[in-house]
């Protein structure tokens, strides 16, 4: 009887130890599952941040080259002794405006928090519409001349003297589209039409070129799935004075 009781106690102790071991094993498995899930989330976040950086820097490299080309081109104009002082003054002003625009782009590139978040802040300011278009046109004209293309800006009046928009972002949008228009046009020219949409109180920028254009399936995929702000159309300020 004593041996049987001792054996029963031993069996019970082993059963309890096995149960405790099983509970500990189950607990470890739960911890492993949680840690694995956390690692997967961290990996996905790291990949998203890396992709955002690559995409951001690839886009910014284009935005940097465009105003830099204008700065170099107009600096060469200043060195041309056959150019009169009025043209040199205009070249100097264009270099200053392009330099400020370039500085704004570089500040965005250096702001790592914006790169990792894959976002840019939008700053809405009253902007002189004609000056903004002139700044953009001065950059694109150099590119068009380099390919012997015609370039023109057509204002469809009446137009407001000022609009409310982010000048840096709007310039980036226009420079990007126009640079691509020049890039993919070998003959003919590129034209910008600026018009006022009274029903929506908005400005419309139409870019027309004689280049290869886009196929229907490419148009369908264009910007598909991207949540980017509509900067191609700028909101007008209240009660704009039309010219």
C-alpha atoms as a PDB file:
ATOM      1  CA  UNK A   1       0.000   0.000   0.000  1.00  0.00           C
ATOM      2  CA  UNK A   2       2.831   2.393   0.849  1.00  0.00           C
ATOM      3  CA  UNK A   3       4.515   1.599  -2.465  1.00  0.00           C
ATOM      4  CA  UNK A   4       1.241   2.127  -4.310  1.00  0.00           C
ATOM      5  CA  UNK A   5       0.658   5.464  -2.569  1.00  0.00           C
ATOM      6  CA  UNK A   6       4.219   6.537  -3.319  1.00  0.00           C
ATOM      7  CA  UNK A   7       3.769   5.529  -6.945  1.00  0.00           C
ATOM      8  CA  UNK A   8       0.521   7.482  -7.181  1.00  0.00           C
ATOM      9  CA  UNK A   9       2.177  10.572  -5.721  1.00  0.00           C
ATOM     10  CA  UNK A  10       5.017  10.237  -8.213  1.00  0.00           C
ATOM     11  CA  UNK A  11       2.554   9.867 -11.077  1.00  0.00           C
ATOM     12  CA  UNK A  12       0.611  12.929  -9.916  1.00  0.00           C
ATOM     13  CA  UNK A  13       3.769  14.970  -9.595  1.00  0.00           C
ATOM     14  CA  UNK A  14       4.870  13.970 -13.092  1.00  0.00           C
ATOM     15  CA  UNK A  15       1.425  14.769 -14.468  1.00  0.00           C
ATOM     16  CA  UNK A  16       1.518  18.193 -12.830  1.00  0.00           C
ATOM     17  CA  UNK A  17       5.052  18.778 -14.090  1.00  0.00           C
ATOM     18  CA  UNK A  18       3.992  17.724 -17.604  1.00  0.00           C
ATOM     19  CA  UNK A  19       0.964  20.018 -17.429  1.00  0.00           C
ATOM     20  CA  UNK A  20       3.139  22.916 -16.263  1.00  0.00           C
ATOM     21  CA  UNK A  21       5.638  22.157 -19.038  1.00  0.00           C
ATOM     22  CA  UNK A  22       2.830  22.072 -21.628  1.00  0.00           C
ATOM     23  CA  UNK A  23       1.445  25.390 -20.378  1.00  0.00           C
ATOM     24  CA  UNK A  24       4.924  26.905 -20.513  1.00  0.00           C
ATOM     25  CA  UNK A  25       5.396  25.550 -24.047  1.00  0.00           C
ATOM     26  CA  UNK A  26       2.042  27.014 -25.142  1.00  0.00           C
ATOM     27  CA  UNK A  27       3.016  30.347 -23.598  1.00  0.00           C
ATOM     28  CA  UNK A  28       6.328  30.319 -25.470  1.00  0.00           C
ATOM     29  CA  UNK A  29       4.524  29.543 -28.716  1.00  0.00           C
ATOM     30  CA  UNK A  30       2.222  32.525 -28.179  1.00  0.00           C
ATOM     31  CA  UNK A  31       5.214  34.757 -27.494  1.00  0.00           C
ATOM     32  CA  UNK A  32       6.943  33.473 -30.654  1.00  0.00           C
ATOM     33  CA  UNK A  33       3.804  34.145 -32.717  1.00  0.00           C
ATOM     34  CA  UNK A  34       3.523  37.671 -31.325  1.00  0.00           C
ATOM     35  CA  UNK A  35       7.206  38.408 -31.929  1.00  0.00           C
ATOM     36  CA  UNK A  36       6.964  36.985 -35.448  1.00  0.00           C
ATOM     37  CA  UNK A  37       3.967  39.167 -36.216  1.00  0.00           C
ATOM     38  CA  UNK A  38       5.778  42.219 -34.818  1.00  0.00           C
ATOM     39  CA  UNK A  39       8.847  41.433 -36.924  1.00  0.00           C
ATOM     40  CA  UNK A  40       6.695  41.079 -40.048  1.00  0.00           C
ATOM     41  CA  UNK A  41       5.083  44.454 -39.366  1.00  0.00           C
ATOM     42  CA  UNK A  42       8.484  46.044 -38.731  1.00  0.00           C
ATOM     43  CA  UNK A  43       9.834  44.487 -41.944  1.00  0.00           C
ATOM     44  CA  UNK A  44       6.870  45.802 -43.961  1.00  0.00           C
ATOM     45  CA  UNK A  45       7.312  49.258 -42.442  1.00  0.00           C
ATOM     46  CA  UNK A  46      11.027  49.229 -43.222  1.00  0.00           C
ATOM     47  CA  UNK A  47      10.363  48.176 -46.825  1.00  0.00           C
ATOM     48  CA  UNK A  48       7.688  50.860 -47.210  1.00  0.00           C
ATOM     49  CA  UNK A  49      10.041  53.508 -45.839  1.00  0.00           C
ATOM     50  CA  UNK A  50      12.818  52.338 -48.158  1.00  0.00           C
ATOM     51  CA  UNK A  51      10.509  52.384 -51.189  1.00  0.00           C
ATOM     52  CA  UNK A  52       9.232  55.824 -50.204  1.00  0.00           C
ATOM     53  CA  UNK A  53      12.797  57.129 -50.007  1.00  0.00           C
ATOM     54  CA  UNK A  54      13.714  55.677 -53.384  1.00  0.00           C
ATOM     55  CA  UNK A  55      10.577  57.050 -55.042  1.00  0.00           C
ATOM     56  CA  UNK A  56      10.930  60.440 -53.366  1.00  0.00           C
ATOM     57  CA  UNK A  57      14.593  60.854 -54.303  1.00  0.00           C
ATOM     58  CA  UNK A  58      13.975  59.686 -57.873  1.00  0.00           C
ATOM     59  CA  UNK A  59      11.277  62.328 -58.301  1.00  0.00           C
ATOM     60  CA  UNK A  60      13.323  65.037 -56.604  1.00  0.00           C
ATOM     61  CA  UNK A  61      16.332  64.364 -58.824  1.00  0.00           C
ATOM     62  CA  UNK A  62      14.189  65.388 -61.776  1.00  0.00           C
ATOM     63  CA  UNK A  63      12.908  68.461 -59.965  1.00  0.00           C
ATOM     64  CA  UNK A  64      16.475  69.520 -59.138  1.00  0.00           C
ATOM     65  CA  UNK A  65      17.836  69.143 -62.671  1.00  0.00           C
ATOM     66  CA  UNK A  66      15.140  71.296 -64.293  1.00  0.00           C
ATOM     67  CA  UNK A  67      15.763  74.625 -62.467  1.00  0.00           C
ATOM     68  CA  UNK A  68      19.497  73.910 -62.414  1.00  0.00           C
ATOM     69  CA  UNK A  69      19.462  73.749 -66.218  1.00  0.00           C
ATOM     70  CA  UNK A  70      17.840  77.192 -66.302  1.00  0.00           C
ATOM     71  CA  UNK A  71      20.423  78.624 -63.901  1.00  0.00           C
ATOM     72  CA  UNK A  72      23.305  77.359 -66.051  1.00  0.00           C
ATOM     73  CA  UNK A  73      21.671  78.535 -69.275  1.00  0.00           C
ATOM     74  CA  UNK A  74      20.980  82.064 -68.100  1.00  0.00           C
ATOM     75  CA  UNK A  75      24.413  82.279 -66.443  1.00  0.00           C
ATOM     76  CA  UNK A  76      25.875  81.633 -69.895  1.00  0.00           C
ATOM     77  CA  UNK A  77      23.703  84.478 -71.191  1.00  0.00           C
ATOM     78  CA  UNK A  78      25.315  86.822 -68.664  1.00  0.00           C
ATOM     79  CA  UNK A  79      28.740  85.905 -70.038  1.00  0.00           C
ATOM     80  CA  UNK A  80      27.695  86.778 -73.592  1.00  0.00           C
ATOM     81  CA  UNK A  81      29.096  90.284 -74.253  1.00  0.00           C
ATOM     82  CA  UNK A  82      26.797  90.770 -77.253  1.00  0.00           C
ATOM     83  CA  UNK A  83      23.696  90.698 -75.038  1.00  0.00           C
ATOM     84  CA  UNK A  84      22.337  94.067 -73.899  1.00  0.00           C
ATOM     85  CA  UNK A  85      21.842  95.028 -70.259  1.00  0.00           C
ATOM     86  CA  UNK A  86      18.059  94.571 -70.346  1.00  0.00           C
ATOM     87  CA  UNK A  87      18.406  90.924 -71.359  1.00  0.00           C
ATOM     88  CA  UNK A  88      21.134  90.419 -68.755  1.00  0.00           C
ATOM     89  CA  UNK A  89      18.856  91.882 -66.082  1.00  0.00           C
ATOM     90  CA  UNK A  90      16.077  89.484 -67.070  1.00  0.00           C
ATOM     91  CA  UNK A  91      18.563  86.607 -67.007  1.00  0.00           C
ATOM     92  CA  UNK A  92      19.724  87.597 -63.526  1.00  0.00           C
ATOM     93  CA  UNK A  93      16.141  87.738 -62.245  1.00  0.00           C
ATOM     94  CA  UNK A  94      15.415  84.320 -63.743  1.00  0.00           C
ATOM     95  CA  UNK A  95      18.528  82.885 -62.083  1.00  0.00           C
ATOM     96  CA  UNK A  96      17.380  84.249 -58.724  1.00  0.00           C
ATOM     97  CA  UNK A  97      13.859  82.835 -59.097  1.00  0.00           C
ATOM     98  CA  UNK A  98      15.153  79.458 -60.263  1.00  0.00           C
ATOM     99  CA  UNK A  99      17.639  79.450 -57.391  1.00  0.00           C
ATOM    100  CA  UNK A 100      14.879  80.062 -54.837  1.00  0.00           C
ATOM    101  CA  UNK A 101      12.771  77.322 -56.377  1.00  0.00           C
ATOM    102  CA  UNK A 102      15.753  74.969 -56.302  1.00  0.00           C
ATOM    103  CA  UNK A 103      16.388  75.838 -52.659  1.00  0.00           C
ATOM    104  CA  UNK A 104      12.809  74.908 -51.784  1.00  0.00           C
ATOM    105  CA  UNK A 105      13.171  71.542 -53.529  1.00  0.00           C
ATOM    106  CA  UNK A 106      16.485  70.819 -51.801  1.00  0.00           C
ATOM    107  CA  UNK A 107      14.979  71.690 -48.414  1.00  0.00           C
ATOM    108  CA  UNK A 108      12.335  69.045 -49.063  1.00  0.00           C
ATOM    109  CA  UNK A 109      14.975  66.482 -49.987  1.00  0.00           C
ATOM    110  CA  UNK A 110      16.939  67.195 -46.815  1.00  0.00           C
ATOM    111  CA  UNK A 111      13.843  66.853 -44.636  1.00  0.00           C
ATOM    112  CA  UNK A 112      14.142  63.119 -43.942  1.00  0.00           C
ATOM    113  CA  UNK A 113      10.908  63.066 -41.960  1.00  0.00           C
ATOM    114  CA  UNK A 114       8.991  64.034 -45.094  1.00  0.00           C
ATOM    115  CA  UNK A 115      10.863  61.456 -47.162  1.00  0.00           C
ATOM    116  CA  UNK A 116      10.100  58.621 -44.755  1.00  0.00           C
ATOM    117  CA  UNK A 117       6.479  59.692 -44.432  1.00  0.00           C
ATOM    118  CA  UNK A 118       6.239  59.942 -48.243  1.00  0.00           C
ATOM    119  CA  UNK A 119       4.507  63.299 -48.006  1.00  0.00           C
ATOM    120  CA  UNK A 120       5.064  66.994 -48.630  1.00  0.00           C
ATOM    121  CA  UNK A 121       3.459  69.899 -46.861  1.00  0.00           C
ATOM    122  CA  UNK A 122       1.229  72.150 -48.946  1.00  0.00           C
ATOM    123  CA  UNK A 123       1.527  75.883 -48.278  1.00  0.00           C
ATOM    124  CA  UNK A 124      -1.260  77.951 -49.870  1.00  0.00           C
ATOM    125  CA  UNK A 125      -0.266  81.544 -50.660  1.00  0.00           C
ATOM    126  CA  UNK A 126      -1.525  84.359 -52.908  1.00  0.00           C
ATOM    127  CA  UNK A 127       0.586  84.091 -56.062  1.00  0.00           C
ATOM    128  CA  UNK A 128       0.945  86.264 -59.159  1.00  0.00           C
ATOM    129  CA  UNK A 129      -0.293  83.966 -61.902  1.00  0.00           C
ATOM    130  CA  UNK A 130       1.601  85.610 -64.747  1.00  0.00           C
ATOM    131  CA  UNK A 131       4.889  85.738 -62.853  1.00  0.00           C
ATOM    132  CA  UNK A 132       4.583  82.051 -61.966  1.00  0.00           C
ATOM    133  CA  UNK A 133       3.920  81.063 -65.584  1.00  0.00           C
ATOM    134  CA  UNK A 134       6.792  83.311 -66.740  1.00  0.00           C
ATOM    135  CA  UNK A 135       9.181  81.594 -64.302  1.00  0.00           C
ATOM    136  CA  UNK A 136       8.173  78.187 -65.619  1.00  0.00           C
ATOM    137  CA  UNK A 137       8.316  79.303 -69.251  1.00  0.00           C
ATOM    138  CA  UNK A 138      11.833  80.727 -68.852  1.00  0.00           C
ATOM    139  CA  UNK A 139      13.078  77.278 -67.845  1.00  0.00           C
ATOM    140  CA  UNK A 140      11.229  75.341 -70.549  1.00  0.00           C
ATOM    141  CA  UNK A 141      12.235  77.778 -73.293  1.00  0.00           C
ATOM    142  CA  UNK A 142      15.871  76.741 -72.877  1.00  0.00           C
ATOM    143  CA  UNK A 143      14.993  73.068 -73.181  1.00  0.00           C
ATOM    144  CA  UNK A 144      12.844  73.723 -76.259  1.00  0.00           C
ATOM    145  CA  UNK A 145      15.556  75.802 -77.919  1.00  0.00           C
ATOM    146  CA  UNK A 146      18.043  73.000 -77.344  1.00  0.00           C
ATOM    147  CA  UNK A 147      15.848  70.706 -79.469  1.00  0.00           C
ATOM    148  CA  UNK A 148      14.860  73.415 -82.001  1.00  0.00           C
ATOM    149  CA  UNK A 149      11.231  73.246 -80.867  1.00  0.00           C
ATOM    150  CA  UNK A 150       8.678  76.036 -80.759  1.00  0.00           C
ATOM    151  CA  UNK A 151       7.383  76.962 -77.333  1.00  0.00           C
ATOM    152  CA  UNK A 152       4.582  79.376 -76.530  1.00  0.00           C
ATOM    153  CA  UNK A 153       2.262  80.376 -73.727  1.00  0.00           C
ATOM    154  CA  UNK A 154      -1.305  81.301 -74.660  1.00  0.00           C
ATOM    155  CA  UNK A 155      -3.362  83.290 -72.142  1.00  0.00           C
ATOM    156  CA  UNK A 156      -7.116  82.952 -72.647  1.00  0.00           C
ATOM    157  CA  UNK A 157      -8.521  86.091 -71.028  1.00  0.00           C
ATOM    158  CA  UNK A 158     -10.117  87.063 -68.716  1.00  0.00           C
ATOM    159  CA  UNK A 159      -7.694  85.784 -66.080  1.00  0.00           C
ATOM    160  CA  UNK A 160      -7.141  86.670 -62.410  1.00  0.00           C
ATOM    161  CA  UNK A 161      -4.063  88.659 -61.461  1.00  0.00           C
ATOM    162  CA  UNK A 162      -3.472  86.369 -58.484  1.00  0.00           C
ATOM    163  CA  UNK A 163      -4.376  82.832 -57.487  1.00  0.00           C
ATOM    164  CA  UNK A 164      -4.175  81.013 -54.165  1.00  0.00           C
ATOM    165  CA  UNK A 165      -1.879  77.991 -54.398  1.00  0.00           C
ATOM    166  CA  UNK A 166       1.435  76.484 -53.339  1.00  0.00           C
ATOM    167  CA  UNK A 167       3.862  78.117 -55.809  1.00  0.00           C
ATOM    168  CA  UNK A 168       6.620  75.544 -55.276  1.00  0.00           C
ATOM    169  CA  UNK A 169       4.352  72.548 -55.827  1.00  0.00           C
ATOM    170  CA  UNK A 170       2.512  74.117 -58.773  1.00  0.00           C
ATOM    171  CA  UNK A 171       5.828  74.953 -60.435  1.00  0.00           C
ATOM    172  CA  UNK A 172       7.002  71.395 -59.869  1.00  0.00           C
ATOM    173  CA  UNK A 173       3.871  70.014 -61.512  1.00  0.00           C
ATOM    174  CA  UNK A 174       4.107  72.326 -64.522  1.00  0.00           C
ATOM    175  CA  UNK A 175       7.868  71.888 -64.919  1.00  0.00           C
ATOM    176  CA  UNK A 176       7.523  68.120 -64.718  1.00  0.00           C
ATOM    177  CA  UNK A 177       4.771  67.889 -67.336  1.00  0.00           C
ATOM    178  CA  UNK A 178       6.384  70.445 -69.654  1.00  0.00           C
ATOM    179  CA  UNK A 179       9.840  68.861 -69.354  1.00  0.00           C
ATOM    180  CA  UNK A 180       8.346  65.524 -70.352  1.00  0.00           C
ATOM    181  CA  UNK A 181       6.498  67.195 -73.226  1.00  0.00           C
ATOM    182  CA  UNK A 182       9.780  68.617 -74.538  1.00  0.00           C
ATOM    183  CA  UNK A 183      11.625  65.346 -73.878  1.00  0.00           C
ATOM    184  CA  UNK A 184       9.202  63.268 -75.954  1.00  0.00           C
ATOM    185  CA  UNK A 185       8.737  65.800 -78.773  1.00  0.00           C
ATOM    186  CA  UNK A 186      11.218  65.731 -81.642  1.00  0.00           C
ATOM    187  CA  UNK A 187       9.446  67.975 -84.167  1.00  0.00           C
ATOM    188  CA  UNK A 188       6.959  70.822 -83.903  1.00  0.00           C
ATOM    189  CA  UNK A 189       6.513  72.391 -80.507  1.00  0.00           C
ATOM    190  CA  UNK A 190       4.937  72.625 -77.076  1.00  0.00           C
ATOM    191  CA  UNK A 191       2.193  75.018 -76.030  1.00  0.00           C
ATOM    192  CA  UNK A 192       0.725  76.009 -72.658  1.00  0.00           C
ATOM    193  CA  UNK A 193      -2.838  77.336 -72.565  1.00  0.00           C
ATOM    194  CA  UNK A 194      -3.906  79.118 -69.390  1.00  0.00           C
ATOM    195  CA  UNK A 195      -7.641  79.682 -68.944  1.00  0.00           C
ATOM    196  CA  UNK A 196     -10.174  80.536 -66.249  1.00  0.00           C
ATOM    197  CA  UNK A 197     -13.062  78.202 -65.338  1.00  0.00           C
ATOM    198  CA  UNK A 198     -15.724  80.535 -63.874  1.00  0.00           C
ATOM    199  CA  UNK A 199     -18.105  77.757 -62.760  1.00  0.00           C
ATOM    200  CA  UNK A 200     -15.446  76.210 -60.510  1.00  0.00           C
ATOM    201  CA  UNK A 201     -13.431  79.412 -59.888  1.00  0.00           C
ATOM    202  CA  UNK A 202     -10.278  77.588 -60.960  1.00  0.00           C
ATOM    203  CA  UNK A 203      -7.369  77.991 -63.326  1.00  0.00           C
ATOM    204  CA  UNK A 204      -6.815  75.370 -66.027  1.00  0.00           C
ATOM    205  CA  UNK A 205      -3.367  74.635 -67.442  1.00  0.00           C
ATOM    206  CA  UNK A 206      -3.492  72.712 -70.723  1.00  0.00           C
ATOM    207  CA  UNK A 207      -0.219  71.293 -72.077  1.00  0.00           C
ATOM    208  CA  UNK A 208      -0.293  70.556 -75.823  1.00  0.00           C
ATOM    209  CA  UNK A 209       2.613  69.060 -77.758  1.00  0.00           C
ATOM    210  CA  UNK A 210       3.275  67.378 -81.091  1.00  0.00           C
ATOM    211  CA  UNK A 211       5.160  64.482 -79.518  1.00  0.00           C
ATOM    212  CA  UNK A 212       4.421  60.773 -79.365  1.00  0.00           C
ATOM    213  CA  UNK A 213       1.729  61.124 -76.700  1.00  0.00           C
ATOM    214  CA  UNK A 214       0.305  58.270 -74.622  1.00  0.00           C
ATOM    215  CA  UNK A 215      -1.464  55.079 -75.617  1.00  0.00           C
ATOM    216  CA  UNK A 216      -5.018  54.555 -74.244  1.00  0.00           C
ATOM    217  CA  UNK A 217      -3.842  51.868 -71.812  1.00  0.00           C
ATOM    218  CA  UNK A 218      -1.075  54.186 -70.570  1.00  0.00           C
ATOM    219  CA  UNK A 219      -3.600  56.953 -69.952  1.00  0.00           C
ATOM    220  CA  UNK A 220      -5.752  54.518 -67.983  1.00  0.00           C
ATOM    221  CA  UNK A 221      -2.790  53.563 -65.761  1.00  0.00           C
ATOM    222  CA  UNK A 222      -1.652  57.159 -65.286  1.00  0.00           C
ATOM    223  CA  UNK A 223      -1.611  58.011 -61.564  1.00  0.00           C
ATOM    224  CA  UNK A 224      -3.865  55.004 -60.911  1.00  0.00           C
ATOM    225  CA  UNK A 225      -3.942  54.169 -57.217  1.00  0.00           C
ATOM    226  CA  UNK A 226      -1.900  57.220 -56.211  1.00  0.00           C
ATOM    227  CA  UNK A 227      -3.376  59.674 -53.720  1.00  0.00           C
ATOM    228  CA  UNK A 228      -1.642  62.845 -54.825  1.00  0.00           C
ATOM    229  CA  UNK A 229      -3.079  66.340 -54.364  1.00  0.00           C
ATOM    230  CA  UNK A 230      -4.621  67.916 -57.462  1.00  0.00           C
ATOM    231  CA  UNK A 231      -2.018  70.592 -58.043  1.00  0.00           C
ATOM    232  CA  UNK A 232      -2.522  70.820 -61.803  1.00  0.00           C
ATOM    233  CA  UNK A 233      -5.517  73.072 -61.097  1.00  0.00           C
ATOM    234  CA  UNK A 234      -5.050  75.927 -58.648  1.00  0.00           C
ATOM    235  CA  UNK A 235      -7.906  77.375 -56.607  1.00  0.00           C
ATOM    236  CA  UNK A 236      -8.521  81.058 -57.039  1.00  0.00           C
ATOM    237  CA  UNK A 237      -8.668  83.515 -54.210  1.00  0.00           C
ATOM    238  CA  UNK A 238     -12.036  85.073 -53.400  1.00  0.00           C
ATOM    239  CA  UNK A 239     -13.288  87.845 -55.693  1.00  0.00           C
ATOM    240  CA  UNK A 240     -10.374  87.706 -58.134  1.00  0.00           C
ATOM    241  CA  UNK A 241      -9.765  90.705 -60.357  1.00  0.00           C
ATOM    242  CA  UNK A 242      -9.908  89.445 -63.938  1.00  0.00           C
ATOM    243  CA  UNK A 243      -7.599  90.887 -66.564  1.00  0.00           C
END
